[in-house]
Amino acid sequence: MGMAFAPARGFYDIPGGREPKNVPIYRLLQQSAFGPEEIDRLAAAFEESLRALQLQDRSDPLSETIAKKLIEIAQTGERDPRLLRKRAFEALDLPTAD
């Protein structure tokens, strides 16, 4: 079963639900080779990262920086959302609250 990333009314079909295309993690994953489960884990890590930083503005440049770093780390094989977030925060020198 493949992923569908066809635009429809400003949204992309993402496993687990429909997400706005302006959310950095989903926009960056459009052409990725990650499977549905991996995308769900990346999305969880991204959303938890933003919650931890109390960052609500998805258009904030830090949101995109976090999304890119999470994807970069996931490309090394890491899949645990908690560890993805922890490693991204360390790499970006952000405060961690684990």
PDB file of N, CA and C in Angstrom:
ATOM      1  N   MET A   1       0.842  -1.176   0.000  1.00  0.00           N
ATOM      2  CA  MET A   1       0.000   0.000   0.000  1.00  0.00           C
ATOM      3  C   MET A   1       0.887   1.238   0.000  1.00  0.00           C
ATOM      4  N   GLY A   2       0.766   2.097  -0.957  1.00  0.00           N
ATOM      5  CA  GLY A   2       1.602   3.289  -1.088  1.00  0.00           C
ATOM      6  C   GLY A   2       0.950   4.502  -0.458  1.00  0.00           C
ATOM      7  N   MET A   3       1.762   5.522  -0.290  1.00  0.00           N
ATOM      8  CA  MET A   3       1.277   6.782   0.269  1.00  0.00           C
ATOM      9  C   MET A   3       0.747   7.652  -0.854  1.00  0.00           C
ATOM     10  N   ALA A   4      -0.234   8.449  -0.536  1.00  0.00           N
ATOM     11  CA  ALA A   4      -0.767   9.382  -1.521  1.00  0.00           C
ATOM     12  C   ALA A   4      -0.390  10.796  -1.103  1.00  0.00           C
ATOM     13  N   PHE A   5       0.243  11.520  -2.002  1.00  0.00           N
ATOM     14  CA  PHE A   5       0.605  12.901  -1.710  1.00  0.00           C
ATOM     15  C   PHE A   5       0.004  13.838  -2.737  1.00  0.00           C
ATOM     16  N   ALA A   6      -1.109  13.470  -3.299  1.00  0.00           N
ATOM     17  CA  ALA A   6      -1.745  14.322  -4.290  1.00  0.00           C
ATOM     18  C   ALA A   6      -2.464  15.470  -3.594  1.00  0.00           C
ATOM     19  N   PRO A   7      -2.201  16.693  -4.017  1.00  0.00           N
ATOM     20  CA  PRO A   7      -2.868  17.821  -3.390  1.00  0.00           C
ATOM     21  C   PRO A   7      -4.373  17.781  -3.623  1.00  0.00           C
ATOM     22  N   ALA A   8      -5.124  18.122  -2.598  1.00  0.00           N
ATOM     23  CA  ALA A   8      -6.576  18.188  -2.712  1.00  0.00           C
ATOM     24  C   ALA A   8      -7.061  19.287  -1.788  1.00  0.00           C
ATOM     25  N   ARG A   9      -7.534  20.374  -2.358  1.00  0.00           N
ATOM     26  CA  ARG A   9      -8.056  21.504  -1.596  1.00  0.00           C
ATOM     27  C   ARG A   9      -7.077  22.019  -0.551  1.00  0.00           C
ATOM     28  N   GLY A  10      -5.788  22.073  -0.886  1.00  0.00           N
ATOM     29  CA  GLY A  10      -4.815  22.633   0.032  1.00  0.00           C
ATOM     30  C   GLY A  10      -4.288  21.664   1.074  1.00  0.00           C
ATOM     31  N   PHE A  11      -4.626  20.388   0.955  1.00  0.00           N
ATOM     32  CA  PHE A  11      -4.163  19.400   1.909  1.00  0.00           C
ATOM     33  C   PHE A  11      -3.441  18.279   1.179  1.00  0.00           C
ATOM     34  N   TYR A  12      -2.646  17.524   1.931  1.00  0.00           N
ATOM     35  CA  TYR A  12      -2.012  16.323   1.416  1.00  0.00           C
ATOM     36  C   TYR A  12      -2.510  15.154   2.237  1.00  0.00           C
ATOM     37  N   ASP A  13      -2.747  14.037   1.577  1.00  0.00           N
ATOM     38  CA  ASP A  13      -3.150  12.843   2.300  1.00  0.00           C
ATOM     39  C   ASP A  13      -1.912  12.256   2.947  1.00  0.00           C
ATOM     40  N   ILE A  14      -1.904  12.224   4.250  1.00  0.00           N
ATOM     41  CA  ILE A  14      -0.789  11.725   5.023  1.00  0.00           C
ATOM     42  C   ILE A  14      -1.333  10.586   5.878  1.00  0.00           C
ATOM     43  N   PRO A  15      -0.599   9.486   5.992  1.00  0.00           N
ATOM     44  CA  PRO A  15      -1.082   8.409   6.853  1.00  0.00           C
ATOM     45  C   PRO A  15      -1.474   8.951   8.221  1.00  0.00           C
ATOM     46  N   GLY A  16      -2.612   8.511   8.713  1.00  0.00           N
ATOM     47  CA  GLY A  16      -3.071   8.962  10.013  1.00  0.00           C
ATOM     48  C   GLY A  16      -3.932  10.218   9.943  1.00  0.00           C
ATOM     49  N   GLY A  17      -4.132  10.783   8.790  1.00  0.00           N
ATOM     50  CA  GLY A  17      -4.986  11.962   8.697  1.00  0.00           C
ATOM     51  C   GLY A  17      -4.563  12.905   7.595  1.00  0.00           C
ATOM     52  N   ARG A  18      -5.304  13.994   7.490  1.00  0.00           N
ATOM     53  CA  ARG A  18      -5.017  15.001   6.473  1.00  0.00           C
ATOM     54  C   ARG A  18      -4.405  16.189   7.174  1.00  0.00           C
ATOM     55  N   GLU A  19      -3.271  16.637   6.679  1.00  0.00           N
ATOM     56  CA  GLU A  19      -2.542  17.727   7.314  1.00  0.00           C
ATOM     57  C   GLU A  19      -2.384  18.885   6.333  1.00  0.00           C
ATOM     58  N   PRO A  20      -2.417  20.111   6.831  1.00  0.00           N
ATOM     59  CA  PRO A  20      -2.239  21.263   5.950  1.00  0.00           C
ATOM     60  C   PRO A  20      -0.856  21.242   5.301  1.00  0.00           C
ATOM     61  N   LYS A  21      -0.799  21.610   4.041  1.00  0.00           N
ATOM     62  CA  LYS A  21       0.475  21.559   3.326  1.00  0.00           C
ATOM     63  C   LYS A  21       1.472  22.610   3.806  1.00  0.00           C
ATOM     64  N   ASN A  22       1.013  23.581   4.588  1.00  0.00           N
ATOM     65  CA  ASN A  22       1.943  24.602   5.062  1.00  0.00           C
ATOM     66  C   ASN A  22       2.680  24.186   6.329  1.00  0.00           C
ATOM     67  N   VAL A  23       2.389  23.020   6.885  1.00  0.00           N
ATOM     68  CA  VAL A  23       3.106  22.520   8.052  1.00  0.00           C
ATOM     69  C   VAL A  23       4.425  21.943   7.549  1.00  0.00           C
ATOM     70  N   PRO A  24       5.546  22.466   8.026  1.00  0.00           N
ATOM     71  CA  PRO A  24       6.856  22.116   7.460  1.00  0.00           C
ATOM     72  C   PRO A  24       7.143  20.628   7.347  1.00  0.00           C
ATOM     73  N   ILE A  25       6.854  19.845   8.368  1.00  0.00           N
ATOM     74  CA  ILE A  25       7.226  18.429   8.321  1.00  0.00           C
ATOM     75  C   ILE A  25       6.508  17.719   7.176  1.00  0.00           C
ATOM     76  N   TYR A  26       5.241  18.034   6.950  1.00  0.00           N
ATOM     77  CA  TYR A  26       4.479  17.371   5.889  1.00  0.00           C
ATOM     78  C   TYR A  26       4.915  17.848   4.509  1.00  0.00           C
ATOM     79  N   ARG A  27       5.169  19.140   4.406  1.00  0.00           N
ATOM     80  CA  ARG A  27       5.632  19.676   3.123  1.00  0.00           C
ATOM     81  C   ARG A  27       6.978  19.061   2.744  1.00  0.00           C
ATOM     82  N   LEU A  28       7.878  18.934   3.718  1.00  0.00           N
ATOM     83  CA  LEU A  28       9.199  18.380   3.447  1.00  0.00           C
ATOM     84  C   LEU A  28       9.158  16.877   3.151  1.00  0.00           C
ATOM     85  N   LEU A  29       8.145  16.202   3.651  1.00  0.00           N
ATOM     86  CA  LEU A  29       8.045  14.749   3.448  1.00  0.00           C
ATOM     87  C   LEU A  29       7.331  14.364   2.150  1.00  0.00           C
ATOM     88  N   GLN A  30       6.828  15.334   1.408  1.00  0.00           N
ATOM     89  CA  GLN A  30       6.072  15.042   0.191  1.00  0.00           C
ATOM     90  C   GLN A  30       6.817  14.120  -0.767  1.00  0.00           C
ATOM     91  N   GLN A  31       8.083  14.357  -0.953  1.00  0.00           N
ATOM     92  CA  GLN A  31       8.861  13.571  -1.918  1.00  0.00           C
ATOM     93  C   GLN A  31       9.827  12.614  -1.223  1.00  0.00           C
ATOM     94  N   SER A  32       9.558  12.287   0.024  1.00  0.00           N
ATOM     95  CA  SER A  32      10.473  11.427   0.779  1.00  0.00           C
ATOM     96  C   SER A  32      10.238   9.949   0.472  1.00  0.00           C
ATOM     97  N   ALA A  33      11.187   9.158   0.887  1.00  0.00           N
ATOM     98  CA  ALA A  33      11.091   7.708   0.716  1.00  0.00           C
ATOM     99  C   ALA A  33      10.608   7.029   1.994  1.00  0.00           C
ATOM    100  N   PHE A  34      10.143   7.814   2.964  1.00  0.00           N
ATOM    101  CA  PHE A  34       9.659   7.244   4.207  1.00  0.00           C
ATOM    102  C   PHE A  34       8.294   6.610   4.007  1.00  0.00           C
ATOM    103  N   GLY A  35       8.062   5.507   4.704  1.00  0.00           N
ATOM    104  CA  GLY A  35       6.766   4.830   4.657  1.00  0.00           C
ATOM    105  C   GLY A  35       5.785   5.462   5.626  1.00  0.00           C
ATOM    106  N   PRO A  36       4.545   5.001   5.595  1.00  0.00           N
ATOM    107  CA  PRO A  36       3.499   5.583   6.443  1.00  0.00           C
ATOM    108  C   PRO A  36       3.834   5.560   7.934  1.00  0.00           C
ATOM    109  N   GLU A  37       4.356   4.461   8.433  1.00  0.00           N
ATOM    110  CA  GLU A  37       4.691   4.369   9.859  1.00  0.00           C
ATOM    111  C   GLU A  37       5.818   5.339  10.215  1.00  0.00           C
ATOM    112  N   GLU A  38       6.794   5.442   9.347  1.00  0.00           N
ATOM    113  CA  GLU A  38       7.907   6.366   9.584  1.00  0.00           C
ATOM    114  C   GLU A  38       7.422   7.814   9.590  1.00  0.00           C
ATOM    115  N   ILE A  39       6.523   8.128   8.675  1.00  0.00           N
ATOM    116  CA  ILE A  39       5.962   9.485   8.616  1.00  0.00           C
ATOM    117  C   ILE A  39       5.181   9.785   9.891  1.00  0.00           C
ATOM    118  N   ASP A  40       4.411   8.808  10.368  1.00  0.00           N
ATOM    119  CA  ASP A  40       3.677   9.002  11.617  1.00  0.00           C
ATOM    120  C   ASP A  40       4.630   9.280  12.770  1.00  0.00           C
ATOM    121  N   ARG A  41       5.751   8.566  12.816  1.00  0.00           N
ATOM    122  CA  ARG A  41       6.726   8.756  13.893  1.00  0.00           C
ATOM    123  C   ARG A  41       7.405  10.125  13.783  1.00  0.00           C
ATOM    124  N   LEU A  42       7.745  10.516  12.569  1.00  0.00           N
ATOM    125  CA  LEU A  42       8.335  11.842  12.359  1.00  0.00           C
ATOM    126  C   LEU A  42       7.351  12.949  12.742  1.00  0.00           C
ATOM    127  N   ALA A  43       6.103  12.765  12.361  1.00  0.00           N
ATOM    128  CA  ALA A  43       5.073  13.757  12.699  1.00  0.00           C
ATOM    129  C   ALA A  43       4.910  13.855  14.211  1.00  0.00           C
ATOM    130  N   ALA A  44       4.936  12.720  14.894  1.00  0.00           N
ATOM    131  CA  ALA A  44       4.827  12.724  16.359  1.00  0.00           C
ATOM    132  C   ALA A  44       6.015  13.459  16.979  1.00  0.00           C
ATOM    133  N   ALA A  45       7.212  13.191  16.476  1.00  0.00           N
ATOM    134  CA  ALA A  45       8.411  13.863  16.985  1.00  0.00           C
ATOM    135  C   ALA A  45       8.334  15.367  16.727  1.00  0.00           C
ATOM    136  N   PHE A  46       7.854  15.747  15.563  1.00  0.00           N
ATOM    137  CA  PHE A  46       7.729  17.160  15.203  1.00  0.00           C
ATOM    138  C   PHE A  46       6.730  17.866  16.114  1.00  0.00           C
ATOM    139  N   GLU A  47       5.548  17.280  16.262  1.00  0.00           N
ATOM    140  CA  GLU A  47       4.511  17.907  17.085  1.00  0.00           C
ATOM    141  C   GLU A  47       4.953  17.999  18.540  1.00  0.00           C
ATOM    142  N   GLU A  48       5.609  16.959  19.055  1.00  0.00           N
ATOM    143  CA  GLU A  48       6.096  16.999  20.432  1.00  0.00           C
ATOM    144  C   GLU A  48       7.200  18.046  20.585  1.00  0.00           C
ATOM    145  N   SER A  49       8.029  18.196  19.575  1.00  0.00           N
ATOM    146  CA  SER A  49       9.082  19.213  19.606  1.00  0.00           C
ATOM    147  C   SER A  49       8.478  20.611  19.722  1.00  0.00           C
ATOM    148  N   LEU A  50       7.459  20.862  18.921  1.00  0.00           N
ATOM    149  CA  LEU A  50       6.828  22.183  18.959  1.00  0.00           C
ATOM    150  C   LEU A  50       6.121  22.420  20.294  1.00  0.00           C
ATOM    151  N   ARG A  51       5.487  21.363  20.824  1.00  0.00           N
ATOM    152  CA  ARG A  51       4.847  21.488  22.140  1.00  0.00           C
ATOM    153  C   ARG A  51       5.887  21.804  23.218  1.00  0.00           C
ATOM    154  N   ALA A  52       7.005  21.094  23.180  1.00  0.00           N
ATOM    155  CA  ALA A  52       8.048  21.286  24.183  1.00  0.00           C
ATOM    156  C   ALA A  52       8.590  22.719  24.158  1.00  0.00           C
ATOM    157  N   LEU A  53       8.619  23.301  22.983  1.00  0.00           N
ATOM    158  CA  LEU A  53       9.116  24.673  22.832  1.00  0.00           C
ATOM    159  C   LEU A  53       8.002  25.716  22.927  1.00  0.00           C
ATOM    160  N   GLN A  54       6.767  25.242  23.116  1.00  0.00           N
ATOM    161  CA  GLN A  54       5.585  26.101  23.125  1.00  0.00           C
ATOM    162  C   GLN A  54       5.525  26.952  21.863  1.00  0.00           C
ATOM    163  N   LEU A  55       5.843  26.328  20.765  1.00  0.00           N
ATOM    164  CA  LEU A  55       5.868  26.993  19.459  1.00  0.00           C
ATOM    165  C   LEU A  55       4.592  26.629  18.702  1.00  0.00           C
ATOM    166  N   GLN A  56       3.701  27.580  18.555  1.00  0.00           N
ATOM    167  CA  GLN A  56       2.424  27.330  17.895  1.00  0.00           C
ATOM    168  C   GLN A  56       2.400  27.790  16.446  1.00  0.00           C
ATOM    169  N   ASP A  57       3.248  28.721  16.099  1.00  0.00           N
ATOM    170  CA  ASP A  57       3.279  29.273  14.749  1.00  0.00           C
ATOM    171  C   ASP A  57       4.058  28.342  13.831  1.00  0.00           C
ATOM    172  N   ARG A  58       3.341  27.586  13.002  1.00  0.00           N
ATOM    173  CA  ARG A  58       3.990  26.625  12.108  1.00  0.00           C
ATOM    174  C   ARG A  58       4.798  27.316  11.006  1.00  0.00           C
ATOM    175  N   SER A  59       4.583  28.613  10.819  1.00  0.00           N
ATOM    176  CA  SER A  59       5.352  29.329   9.804  1.00  0.00           C
ATOM    177  C   SER A  59       6.636  29.934  10.384  1.00  0.00           C
ATOM    178  N   ASP A  60       6.837  29.778  11.685  1.00  0.00           N
ATOM    179  CA  ASP A  60       8.062  30.255  12.323  1.00  0.00           C
ATOM    180  C   ASP A  60       9.249  29.498  11.708  1.00  0.00           C
ATOM    181  N   PRO A  61      10.321  30.189  11.361  1.00  0.00           N
ATOM    182  CA  PRO A  61      11.485  29.516  10.764  1.00  0.00           C
ATOM    183  C   PRO A  61      12.038  28.372  11.623  1.00  0.00           C
ATOM    184  N   LEU A  62      11.889  28.469  12.928  1.00  0.00           N
ATOM    185  CA  LEU A  62      12.361  27.390  13.791  1.00  0.00           C
ATOM    186  C   LEU A  62      11.593  26.101  13.540  1.00  0.00           C
ATOM    187  N   SER A  63      10.305  26.204  13.193  1.00  0.00           N
ATOM    188  CA  SER A  63       9.512  25.008  12.880  1.00  0.00           C
ATOM    189  C   SER A  63      10.127  24.240  11.719  1.00  0.00           C
ATOM    190  N   GLU A  64      10.492  24.954  10.673  1.00  0.00           N
ATOM    191  CA  GLU A  64      11.096  24.303   9.512  1.00  0.00           C
ATOM    192  C   GLU A  64      12.481  23.750   9.842  1.00  0.00           C
ATOM    193  N   THR A  65      13.239  24.476  10.641  1.00  0.00           N
ATOM    194  CA  THR A  65      14.562  24.003  11.046  1.00  0.00           C
ATOM    195  C   THR A  65      14.443  22.685  11.811  1.00  0.00           C
ATOM    196  N   ILE A  66      13.488  22.613  12.716  1.00  0.00           N
ATOM    197  CA  ILE A  66      13.261  21.389  13.485  1.00  0.00           C
ATOM    198  C   ILE A  66      12.839  20.257  12.555  1.00  0.00           C
ATOM    199  N   ALA A  67      11.907  20.536  11.641  1.00  0.00           N
ATOM    200  CA  ALA A  67      11.444  19.506  10.705  1.00  0.00           C
ATOM    201  C   ALA A  67      12.603  18.945   9.883  1.00  0.00           C
ATOM    202  N   LYS A  68      13.436  19.822   9.366  1.00  0.00           N
ATOM    203  CA  LYS A  68      14.579  19.376   8.558  1.00  0.00           C
ATOM    204  C   LYS A  68      15.540  18.528   9.376  1.00  0.00           C
ATOM    205  N   LYS A  69      15.792  18.936  10.604  1.00  0.00           N
ATOM    206  CA  LYS A  69      16.719  18.183  11.456  1.00  0.00           C
ATOM    207  C   LYS A  69      16.138  16.820  11.805  1.00  0.00           C
ATOM    208  N   LEU A  70      14.849  16.750  12.100  1.00  0.00           N
ATOM    209  CA  LEU A  70      14.217  15.463  12.395  1.00  0.00           C
ATOM    210  C   LEU A  70      14.328  14.511  11.207  1.00  0.00           C
ATOM    211  N   ILE A  71      14.087  15.026  10.009  1.00  0.00           N
ATOM    212  CA  ILE A  71      14.184  14.196   8.803  1.00  0.00           C
ATOM    213  C   ILE A  71      15.617  13.741   8.602  1.00  0.00           C
ATOM    214  N   GLU A  72      16.557  14.643   8.795  1.00  0.00           N
ATOM    215  CA  GLU A  72      17.974  14.298   8.649  1.00  0.00           C
ATOM    216  C   GLU A  72      18.362  13.165   9.608  1.00  0.00           C
ATOM    217  N   ILE A  73      17.917  13.260  10.841  1.00  0.00           N
ATOM    218  CA  ILE A  73      18.233  12.231  11.826  1.00  0.00           C
ATOM    219  C   ILE A  73      17.523  10.922  11.479  1.00  0.00           C
ATOM    220  N   ALA A  74      16.292  11.001  11.036  1.00  0.00           N
ATOM    221  CA  ALA A  74      15.557   9.789  10.648  1.00  0.00           C
ATOM    222  C   ALA A  74      16.242   9.080   9.476  1.00  0.00           C
ATOM    223  N   GLN A  75      16.888   9.838   8.611  1.00  0.00           N
ATOM    224  CA  GLN A  75      17.591   9.235   7.480  1.00  0.00           C
ATOM    225  C   GLN A  75      18.786   8.400   7.923  1.00  0.00           C
ATOM    226  N   THR A  76      19.228   8.566   9.172  1.00  0.00           N
ATOM    227  CA  THR A  76      20.322   7.749   9.706  1.00  0.00           C
ATOM    228  C   THR A  76      19.795   6.422  10.248  1.00  0.00           C
ATOM    229  N   GLY A  77      18.475   6.281  10.305  1.00  0.00           N
ATOM    230  CA  GLY A  77      17.879   5.036  10.771  1.00  0.00           C
ATOM    231  C   GLY A  77      17.118   5.147  12.081  1.00  0.00           C
ATOM    232  N   GLU A  78      17.225   6.267  12.768  1.00  0.00           N
ATOM    233  CA  GLU A  78      16.503   6.435  14.036  1.00  0.00           C
ATOM    234  C   GLU A  78      15.003   6.538  13.750  1.00  0.00           C
ATOM    235  N   ARG A  79      14.183   5.830  14.537  1.00  0.00           N
ATOM    236  CA  ARG A  79      12.736   5.844  14.315  1.00  0.00           C
ATOM    237  C   ARG A  79      11.934   6.183  15.567  1.00  0.00           C
ATOM    238  N   ASP A  80      12.559   6.157  16.728  1.00  0.00           N
ATOM    239  CA  ASP A  80      11.865   6.438  17.976  1.00  0.00           C
ATOM    240  C   ASP A  80      11.588   7.943  18.073  1.00  0.00           C
ATOM    241  N   PRO A  81      10.307   8.351  18.134  1.00  0.00           N
ATOM    242  CA  PRO A  81       9.985   9.781  18.161  1.00  0.00           C
ATOM    243  C   PRO A  81      10.670  10.542  19.299  1.00  0.00           C
ATOM    244  N   ARG A  82      10.743   9.929  20.471  1.00  0.00           N
ATOM    245  CA  ARG A  82      11.379  10.588  21.610  1.00  0.00           C
ATOM    246  C   ARG A  82      12.861  10.823  21.357  1.00  0.00           C
ATOM    247  N   LEU A  83      13.535   9.807  20.791  1.00  0.00           N
ATOM    248  CA  LEU A  83      14.958   9.942  20.494  1.00  0.00           C
ATOM    249  C   LEU A  83      15.208  10.890  19.317  1.00  0.00           C
ATOM    250  N   LEU A  84      14.309  10.874  18.349  1.00  0.00           N
ATOM    251  CA  LEU A  84      14.423  11.821  17.234  1.00  0.00           C
ATOM    252  C   LEU A  84      14.401  13.246  17.772  1.00  0.00           C
ATOM    253  N   ARG A  85      13.432  13.521  18.643  1.00  0.00           N
ATOM    254  CA  ARG A  85      13.308  14.867  19.213  1.00  0.00           C
ATOM    255  C   ARG A  85      14.538  15.210  20.050  1.00  0.00           C
ATOM    256  N   LYS A  86      14.960  14.281  20.898  1.00  0.00           N
ATOM    257  CA  LYS A  86      16.116  14.524  21.762  1.00  0.00           C
ATOM    258  C   LYS A  86      17.365  14.836  20.942  1.00  0.00           C
ATOM    259  N   ARG A  87      17.619  14.041  19.912  1.00  0.00           N
ATOM    260  CA  ARG A  87      18.806  14.254  19.077  1.00  0.00           C
ATOM    261  C   ARG A  87      18.707  15.563  18.293  1.00  0.00           C
ATOM    262  N   ALA A  88      17.506  15.894  17.820  1.00  0.00           N
ATOM    263  CA  ALA A  88      17.324  17.158  17.091  1.00  0.00           C
ATOM    264  C   ALA A  88      17.574  18.344  18.013  1.00  0.00           C
ATOM    265  N   PHE A  89      17.047  18.295  19.218  1.00  0.00           N
ATOM    266  CA  PHE A  89      17.250  19.381  20.170  1.00  0.00           C
ATOM    267  C   PHE A  89      18.731  19.537  20.496  1.00  0.00           C
ATOM    268  N   GLU A  90      19.415  18.411  20.690  1.00  0.00           N
ATOM    269  CA  GLU A  90      20.855  18.468  20.975  1.00  0.00           C
ATOM    270  C   GLU A  90      21.620  19.088  19.801  1.00  0.00           C
ATOM    271  N   ALA A  91      21.292  18.644  18.584  1.00  0.00           N
ATOM    272  CA  ALA A  91      21.983  19.137  17.391  1.00  0.00           C
ATOM    273  C   ALA A  91      21.742  20.624  17.171  1.00  0.00           C
ATOM    274  N   LEU A  92      20.550  21.096  17.543  1.00  0.00           N
ATOM    275  CA  LEU A  92      20.203  22.504  17.346  1.00  0.00           C
ATOM    276  C   LEU A  92      20.463  23.344  18.598  1.00  0.00           C
ATOM    277  N   ASP A  93      21.034  22.725  19.609  1.00  0.00           N
ATOM    278  CA  ASP A  93      21.346  23.406  20.868  1.00  0.00           C
ATOM    279  C   ASP A  93      20.104  24.040  21.479  1.00  0.00           C
ATOM    280  N   LEU A  94      19.011  23.276  21.490  1.00  0.00           N
ATOM    281  CA  LEU A  94      17.749  23.723  22.100  1.00  0.00           C
ATOM    282  C   LEU A  94      17.623  23.081  23.474  1.00  0.00           C
ATOM    283  N   PRO A  95      16.923  23.724  24.387  1.00  0.00           N
ATOM    284  CA  PRO A  95      16.757  23.149  25.720  1.00  0.00           C
ATOM    285  C   PRO A  95      15.895  21.887  25.660  1.00  0.00           C
ATOM    286  N   THR A  96      16.335  20.859  26.357  1.00  0.00           N
ATOM    287  CA  THR A  96      15.555  19.615  26.408  1.00  0.00           C
ATOM    288  C   THR A  96      14.861  19.527  27.756  1.00  0.00           C
ATOM    289  N   ALA A  97      13.701  18.880  27.757  1.00  0.00           N
ATOM    290  CA  ALA A  97      12.931  18.748  28.993  1.00  0.00           C
ATOM    291  C   ALA A  97      12.483  17.307  29.185  1.00  0.00           C
ATOM    292  N   ASP A  98      13.429  16.371  29.080  1.00  0.00           N
ATOM    293  CA  ASP A  98      13.070  14.953  29.264  1.00  0.00           C
ATOM    294  C   ASP A  98      13.201  14.494  30.657  1.00  0.00           C
TER     295      ASP A  98
END
